[in-house]
């Protein structure tokens, strides 16, 4: 057995002079577990006792971390669907704007004009005891017609016409009318449309009894399309007649003019839609 070299460590004691203690590898663990005493002796070191609460917290920490990572948040977003879509409204208002731009108002420049909308707004007969309120509600135009009236008034103001809200103060009365203010939709499908098929029909195909199909539940078959398209078009027609307020003599006529808007959506093999059109939601 090869002899191991001896090493020495210096031990310092405030009560005794410095001395050297031989140290070899076999003696190192024993000496490292001792501490010097005030009188120069060697006493065994005390083991630090950890509290039970520390040990419990150390053991429960991984569990809490796992629960925190696996916990999921819950957020609720309130979503509402209005009765009319933005595409429909943009189709109608865009067509109305296009139709109004074609009106000619040169004969009305620098004249006091009253815009009469009684032939544009539908009027209903009152059925309640208060006919005044019913008449007011019945004569209230829809938002589409309000936009059309606003566009006509803006067109007149840009042309140098002076508008008034009192008929008796006007030099010229302008009666506004519209032939159409709505949308059309065309759908095309090359493939198999979505449908409901009785589950018993599959039994009849594979040799089963066809009488089961009478009371059997239905199975929803999804749409399988090769090419599909949905085309929406907006149309607006507008015209006016203007006459002198005092004599009723005809002064100017313009229209009818038709404005058109479009939005087209295409699907090819179920991918899409690819949208083209001239209304804001379809513009890039």
Foldseek 3Di string as FASTA:
>chain_A
DDDFDKDWDWDDAPVDDIDIDIDTPVCVVVQVQWDADNVGDTDGDDDDDDDPVVVVCVVCVVVVVVCVVPDDDDDDDDDDDDPDDPVFLLQQLQFLLQQLVQWDDLLQAPFEEEEDEPQAADADQDDDPDRVVNRVVSRDHDPSVVSSVVSNVVVCVVSRHHYDHDLVPGFKYKYKYKDDGGKDKDKDFDFAAKDKAFPLVVLVVVPHDNVVSPPGGIDIDHTFTQKIKMKMKTKIWMWMWMATSPPRHTRDTTDGGMGMWMKMFMDHRNDDTQIDIDGVVRDD
